[in-house]
Amino acid sequence: HKQTQAFHCVKDASGAIVGFYCLLKSKQIP
């Protein structure tokens, strides 16, 4: 809810979400 842009979805060939990662850039996060 505070940093949605930090999440990235992994999709299979059909477009279904099968995983994700969350990456935070320290200088851009309060």
All heavy atoms as atom14 arrays in JSON, in Angstrom:
{
  "sequence": "HKQTQAFHCVKDASGAIVGFYCLLKSKQIP",
  "atom14_mask": [
    [1, 1, 1, 1, 1, 1, 1, 1, 1, 1, 0, 0, 0, 0],
    [1, 1, 1, 1, 1, 1, 1, 1, 1, 0, 0, 0, 0, 0],
    [1, 1, 1, 1, 1, 1, 1, 1, 1, 0, 0, 0, 0, 0],
    [1, 1, 1, 1, 1, 1, 1, 0, 0, 0, 0, 0, 0, 0],
    [1, 1, 1, 1, 1, 1, 1, 1, 1, 0, 0, 0, 0, 0],
    [1, 1, 1, 1, 1, 0, 0, 0, 0, 0, 0, 0, 0, 0],
    [1, 1, 1, 1, 1, 1, 1, 1, 1, 1, 1, 0, 0, 0],
    [1, 1, 1, 1, 1, 1, 1, 1, 1, 1, 0, 0, 0, 0],
    [1, 1, 1, 1, 1, 1, 0, 0, 0, 0, 0, 0, 0, 0],
    [1, 1, 1, 1, 1, 1, 1, 0, 0, 0, 0, 0, 0, 0],
    [1, 1, 1, 1, 1, 1, 1, 1, 1, 0, 0, 0, 0, 0],
    [1, 1, 1, 1, 1, 1, 1, 1, 0, 0, 0, 0, 0, 0],
    [1, 1, 1, 1, 1, 0, 0, 0, 0, 0, 0, 0, 0, 0],
    [1, 1, 1, 1, 1, 1, 0, 0, 0, 0, 0, 0, 0, 0],
    [1, 1, 1, 1, 0, 0, 0, 0, 0, 0, 0, 0, 0, 0],
    [1, 1, 1, 1, 1, 0, 0, 0, 0, 0, 0, 0, 0, 0],
    [1, 1, 1, 1, 1, 1, 1, 1, 0, 0, 0, 0, 0, 0],
    [1, 1, 1, 1, 1, 1, 1, 0, 0, 0, 0, 0, 0, 0],
    [1, 1, 1, 1, 0, 0, 0, 0, 0, 0, 0, 0, 0, 0],
    [1, 1, 1, 1, 1, 1, 1, 1, 1, 1, 1, 0, 0, 0],
    [1, 1, 1, 1, 1, 1, 1, 1, 1, 1, 1, 1, 0, 0],
    [1, 1, 1, 1, 1, 1, 0, 0, 0, 0, 0, 0, 0, 0],
    [1, 1, 1, 1, 1, 1, 1, 1, 0, 0, 0, 0, 0, 0],
    [1, 1, 1, 1, 1, 1, 1, 1, 0, 0, 0, 0, 0, 0],
    [1, 1, 1, 1, 1, 1, 1, 1, 1, 0, 0, 0, 0, 0],
    [1, 1, 1, 1, 1, 1, 0, 0, 0, 0, 0, 0, 0, 0],
    [1, 1, 1, 1, 1, 1, 1, 1, 1, 0, 0, 0, 0, 0],
    [1, 1, 1, 1, 1, 1, 1, 1, 1, 0, 0, 0, 0, 0],
    [1, 1, 1, 1, 1, 1, 1, 1, 0, 0, 0, 0, 0, 0],
    [1, 1, 1, 1, 1, 1, 1, 0, 0, 0, 0, 0, 0, 0]
  ],
  "atom14_positions": [
    [[0.82, -1.22, 0.0], [0.0, 0.0, 0.0], [0.85, 1.27, 0.0], [0.39, 2.33, -0.46], [-0.96, -0.01, 1.2], [-2.01, -1.08, 1.1], [-2.94, -1.11, 0.09], [-2.25, -2.17, 1.88], [-3.72, -2.15, 0.25], [-3.33, -2.82, 1.33], [0.0, 0.0, 0.0], [0.0, 0.0, 0.0], [0.0, 0.0, 0.0], [0.0, 0.0, 0.0]],
    [[2.1, 1.17, 0.46], [2.95, 2.37, 0.49], [3.94, 2.43, -0.68], [4.36, 3.52, -1.08], [3.73, 2.42, 1.81], [2.82, 2.65, 3.01], [3.63, 2.79, 4.29], [2.72, 3.1, 5.47], [3.47, 3.21, 6.76], [0.0, 0.0, 0.0], [0.0, 0.0, 0.0], [0.0, 0.0, 0.0], [0.0, 0.0, 0.0], [0.0, 0.0, 0.0]],
    [[4.34, 1.27, -1.23], [5.34, 1.23, -2.3], [4.97, 0.16, -3.33], [5.73, -0.77, -3.58], [6.73, 0.93, -1.7], [7.23, 1.92, -0.67], [7.57, 3.28, -1.29], [7.81, 3.39, -2.49], [7.59, 4.31, -0.46], [0.0, 0.0, 0.0], [0.0, 0.0, 0.0], [0.0, 0.0, 0.0], [0.0, 0.0, 0.0], [0.0, 0.0, 0.0]],
    [[3.81, 0.3, -3.93], [3.37, -0.7, -4.91], [4.39, -0.88, -6.03], [4.6, -1.98, -6.55], [2.01, -0.3, -5.51], [1.06, -0.12, -4.45], [1.5, -1.36, -6.47], [0.0, 0.0, 0.0], [0.0, 0.0, 0.0], [0.0, 0.0, 0.0], [0.0, 0.0, 0.0], [0.0, 0.0, 0.0], [0.0, 0.0, 0.0], [0.0, 0.0, 0.0]],
    [[5.06, 0.23, -6.41], [6.02, 0.16, -7.52], [7.23, -0.71, -7.2], [8.0, -1.08, -8.1], [6.51, 1.57, -7.9], [7.52, 2.2, -6.95], [6.89, 2.75, -5.68], [5.66, 2.73, -5.52], [7.69, 3.28, -4.78], [0.0, 0.0, 0.0], [0.0, 0.0, 0.0], [0.0, 0.0, 0.0], [0.0, 0.0, 0.0], [0.0, 0.0, 0.0]],
    [[7.39, -1.1, -5.93], [8.52, -1.96, -5.56], [8.27, -3.43, -5.93], [9.2, -4.24, -5.94], [8.78, -1.87, -4.06], [0.0, 0.0, 0.0], [0.0, 0.0, 0.0], [0.0, 0.0, 0.0], [0.0, 0.0, 0.0], [0.0, 0.0, 0.0], [0.0, 0.0, 0.0], [0.0, 0.0, 0.0], [0.0, 0.0, 0.0], [0.0, 0.0, 0.0]],
    [[7.01, -3.78, -6.26], [6.66, -5.17, -6.56], [6.69, -5.41, -8.07], [6.26, -4.56, -8.86], [5.27, -5.5, -6.02], [5.2, -5.59, -4.52], [5.12, -4.45, -3.73], [5.22, -6.83, -3.89], [5.06, -4.53, -2.35], [5.15, -6.92, -2.51], [5.07, -5.77, -1.74], [0.0, 0.0, 0.0], [0.0, 0.0, 0.0], [0.0, 0.0, 0.0]],
    [[7.18, -6.59, -8.44], [7.23, -6.99, -9.84], [6.69, -8.41, -9.94], [7.08, -9.29, -9.17], [8.66, -6.94, -10.38], [9.25, -5.57, -10.36], [9.39, -4.8, -11.5], [9.71, -4.81, -9.35], [9.93, -3.64, -11.19], [10.13, -3.62, -9.88], [0.0, 0.0, 0.0], [0.0, 0.0, 0.0], [0.0, 0.0, 0.0], [0.0, 0.0, 0.0]],
    [[5.78, -8.62, -10.9], [5.11, -9.91, -11.05], [5.82, -10.77, -12.09], [6.26, -10.27, -13.13], [3.67, -9.72, -11.5], [2.66, -8.79, -10.32], [0.0, 0.0, 0.0], [0.0, 0.0, 0.0], [0.0, 0.0, 0.0], [0.0, 0.0, 0.0], [0.0, 0.0, 0.0], [0.0, 0.0, 0.0], [0.0, 0.0, 0.0], [0.0, 0.0, 0.0]],
    [[5.88, -12.06, -11.81], [6.37, -13.03, -12.8], [5.14, -13.73, -13.38], [4.32, -14.27, -12.63], [7.31, -14.06, -12.15], [7.85, -15.02, -13.21], [8.45, -13.37, -11.42], [0.0, 0.0, 0.0], [0.0, 0.0, 0.0], [0.0, 0.0, 0.0], [0.0, 0.0, 0.0], [0.0, 0.0, 0.0], [0.0, 0.0, 0.0], [0.0, 0.0, 0.0]],
    [[5.04, -13.72, -14.73], [3.89, -14.32, -15.39], [4.34, -15.45, -16.29], [5.41, -15.39, -16.9], [3.14, -13.27, -16.21], [2.53, -12.16, -15.37], [1.72, -11.19, -16.23], [1.04, -10.12, -15.37], [0.24, -9.19, -16.18], [0.0, 0.0, 0.0], [0.0, 0.0, 0.0], [0.0, 0.0, 0.0], [0.0, 0.0, 0.0], [0.0, 0.0, 0.0]],
    [[3.51, -16.5, -16.36], [3.82, -17.6, -17.27], [3.33, -17.28, -18.67], [2.85, -16.16, -18.93], [3.26, -18.92, -16.74], [1.73, -18.93, -16.67], [1.08, -18.05, -17.28], [1.18, -19.83, -15.99], [0.0, 0.0, 0.0], [0.0, 0.0, 0.0], [0.0, 0.0, 0.0], [0.0, 0.0, 0.0], [0.0, 0.0, 0.0], [0.0, 0.0, 0.0]],
    [[3.44, -18.24, -19.58], [3.11, -17.99, -20.98], [1.65, -17.6, -21.19], [1.31, -16.92, -22.15], [3.44, -19.22, -21.82], [0.0, 0.0, 0.0], [0.0, 0.0, 0.0], [0.0, 0.0, 0.0], [0.0, 0.0, 0.0], [0.0, 0.0, 0.0], [0.0, 0.0, 0.0], [0.0, 0.0, 0.0], [0.0, 0.0, 0.0], [0.0, 0.0, 0.0]],
    [[0.78, -18.02, -20.26], [-0.64, -17.68, -20.38], [-0.99, -16.35, -19.73], [-2.13, -15.89, -19.82], [-1.5, -18.78, -19.74], [-1.31, -18.8, -18.33], [0.0, 0.0, 0.0], [0.0, 0.0, 0.0], [0.0, 0.0, 0.0], [0.0, 0.0, 0.0], [0.0, 0.0, 0.0], [0.0, 0.0, 0.0], [0.0, 0.0, 0.0], [0.0, 0.0, 0.0]],
    [[-0.03, -15.73, -19.07], [-0.28, -14.45, -18.41], [-0.66, -14.58, -16.95], [-0.91, -13.56, -16.28], [0.0, 0.0, 0.0], [0.0, 0.0, 0.0], [0.0, 0.0, 0.0], [0.0, 0.0, 0.0], [0.0, 0.0, 0.0], [0.0, 0.0, 0.0], [0.0, 0.0, 0.0], [0.0, 0.0, 0.0], [0.0, 0.0, 0.0], [0.0, 0.0, 0.0]],
    [[-0.67, -15.8, -16.41], [-1.0, -16.0, -15.0], [0.19, -15.64, -14.12], [1.34, -15.92, -14.46], [-1.41, -17.44, -14.75], [0.0, 0.0, 0.0], [0.0, 0.0, 0.0], [0.0, 0.0, 0.0], [0.0, 0.0, 0.0], [0.0, 0.0, 0.0], [0.0, 0.0, 0.0], [0.0, 0.0, 0.0], [0.0, 0.0, 0.0], [0.0, 0.0, 0.0]],
    [[-0.07, -15.01, -12.97], [0.99, -14.63, -12.04], [1.44, -15.86, -11.27], [0.64, -16.52, -10.6], [0.51, -13.53, -11.08], [0.23, -12.24, -11.86], [1.54, -13.27, -9.98], [-0.36, -11.12, -11.03], [0.0, 0.0, 0.0], [0.0, 0.0, 0.0], [0.0, 0.0, 0.0], [0.0, 0.0, 0.0], [0.0, 0.0, 0.0], [0.0, 0.0, 0.0]],
    [[2.74, -16.18, -11.37], [3.27, -17.38, -10.72], [4.38, -17.05, -9.73], [5.0, -17.95, -9.16], [3.8, -18.38, -11.78], [2.66, -18.93, -12.61], [4.86, -17.72, -12.67], [0.0, 0.0, 0.0], [0.0, 0.0, 0.0], [0.0, 0.0, 0.0], [0.0, 0.0, 0.0], [0.0, 0.0, 0.0], [0.0, 0.0, 0.0], [0.0, 0.0, 0.0]],
    [[4.64, -15.77, -9.51], [5.67, -15.36, -8.57], [5.82, -13.86, -8.56], [5.14, -13.14, -9.31], [0.0, 0.0, 0.0], [0.0, 0.0, 0.0], [0.0, 0.0, 0.0], [0.0, 0.0, 0.0], [0.0, 0.0, 0.0], [0.0, 0.0, 0.0], [0.0, 0.0, 0.0], [0.0, 0.0, 0.0], [0.0, 0.0, 0.0], [0.0, 0.0, 0.0]],
    [[6.69, -13.37, -7.68], [6.93, -11.93, -7.6], [8.25, -11.68, -6.88], [8.83, -12.57, -6.25], [5.8, -11.22, -6.85], [5.86, -11.39, -5.35], [6.51, -10.46, -4.53], [5.29, -12.5, -4.74], [6.58, -10.64, -3.15], [5.36, -12.68, -3.36], [6.01, -11.75, -2.57], [0.0, 0.0, 0.0], [0.0, 0.0, 0.0], [0.0, 0.0, 0.0]],
    [[8.74, -10.44, -7.01], [9.81, -9.99, -6.13], [9.51, -8.57, -5.71], [8.76, -7.83, -6.38], [11.2, -10.11, -6.79], [11.53, -9.09, -7.84], [12.08, -7.84, -7.51], [11.36, -9.37, -9.2], [12.42, -6.92, -8.47], [11.7, -8.46, -10.17], [12.24, -7.22, -9.81], [12.57, -6.3, -10.77], [0.0, 0.0, 0.0], [0.0, 0.0, 0.0]],
    [[10.07, -8.19, -4.57], [9.89, -6.85, -4.02], [11.27, -6.24, -3.81], [12.08, -6.79, -3.06], [9.12, -6.91, -2.7], [8.92, -5.3, -1.88], [0.0, 0.0, 0.0], [0.0, 0.0, 0.0], [0.0, 0.0, 0.0], [0.0, 0.0, 0.0], [0.0, 0.0, 0.0], [0.0, 0.0, 0.0], [0.0, 0.0, 0.0], [0.0, 0.0, 0.0]],
    [[11.55, -5.14, -4.48], [12.87, -4.5, -4.43], [12.7, -3.04, -4.02], [11.92, -2.3, -4.63], [13.56, -4.6, -5.78], [14.97, -4.02, -5.89], [15.81, -4.83, -6.89], [14.97, -2.55, -6.32], [0.0, 0.0, 0.0], [0.0, 0.0, 0.0], [0.0, 0.0, 0.0], [0.0, 0.0, 0.0], [0.0, 0.0, 0.0], [0.0, 0.0, 0.0]],
    [[13.42, -2.63, -2.98], [13.34, -1.28, -2.44], [14.66, -0.56, -2.66], [15.73, -1.11, -2.37], [13.02, -1.32, -0.95], [11.78, -2.14, -0.56], [11.82, -2.48, 0.93], [10.51, -1.37, -0.9], [0.0, 0.0, 0.0], [0.0, 0.0, 0.0], [0.0, 0.0, 0.0], [0.0, 0.0, 0.0], [0.0, 0.0, 0.0], [0.0, 0.0, 0.0]],
    [[14.59, 0.65, -3.2], [15.79, 1.48, -3.36], [15.89, 2.39, -2.14], [15.02, 3.22, -1.9], [15.68, 2.3, -4.65], [15.57, 1.42, -5.9], [15.35, 2.26, -7.16], [15.16, 1.37, -8.38], [14.88, 2.16, -9.6], [0.0, 0.0, 0.0], [0.0, 0.0, 0.0], [0.0, 0.0, 0.0], [0.0, 0.0, 0.0], [0.0, 0.0, 0.0]],
    [[16.94, 2.21, -1.38], [17.03, 2.82, -0.06], [16.88, 4.34, -0.08], [16.31, 4.92, 0.84], [18.37, 2.45, 0.6], [19.46, 2.97, -0.14], [0.0, 0.0, 0.0], [0.0, 0.0, 0.0], [0.0, 0.0, 0.0], [0.0, 0.0, 0.0], [0.0, 0.0, 0.0], [0.0, 0.0, 0.0], [0.0, 0.0, 0.0], [0.0, 0.0, 0.0]],
    [[17.36, 4.99, -1.13], [17.31, 6.45, -1.16], [15.94, 6.98, -1.57], [15.67, 8.17, -1.46], [18.37, 7.0, -2.11], [19.81, 6.7, -1.65], [20.85, 7.37, -2.52], [20.88, 8.87, -2.27], [22.02, 9.53, -2.95], [0.0, 0.0, 0.0], [0.0, 0.0, 0.0], [0.0, 0.0, 0.0], [0.0, 0.0, 0.0], [0.0, 0.0, 0.0]],
    [[15.07, 6.08, -2.07], [13.75, 6.51, -2.52], [12.65, 6.16, -1.53], [11.47, 6.45, -1.78], [13.45, 5.89, -3.89], [14.44, 6.31, -4.98], [14.13, 5.67, -6.32], [13.05, 5.11, -6.53], [15.07, 5.75, -7.25], [0.0, 0.0, 0.0], [0.0, 0.0, 0.0], [0.0, 0.0, 0.0], [0.0, 0.0, 0.0], [0.0, 0.0, 0.0]],
    [[13.0, 5.51, -0.43], [12.01, 5.09, 0.55], [12.2, 5.91, 1.83], [13.31, 6.01, 2.35], [12.17, 3.58, 0.9], [12.21, 2.74, -0.37], [11.06, 3.12, 1.83], [10.95, 2.74, -1.17], [0.0, 0.0, 0.0], [0.0, 0.0, 0.0], [0.0, 0.0, 0.0], [0.0, 0.0, 0.0], [0.0, 0.0, 0.0], [0.0, 0.0, 0.0]],
    [[11.14, 6.52, 2.35], [11.27, 7.25, 3.61], [11.81, 6.36, 4.72], [11.43, 5.19, 4.84], [9.83, 7.7, 3.91], [9.16, 7.73, 2.57], [9.78, 6.61, 1.79], [0.0, 0.0, 0.0], [0.0, 0.0, 0.0], [0.0, 0.0, 0.0], [0.0, 0.0, 0.0], [0.0, 0.0, 0.0], [0.0, 0.0, 0.0], [0.0, 0.0, 0.0]]
  ]
}
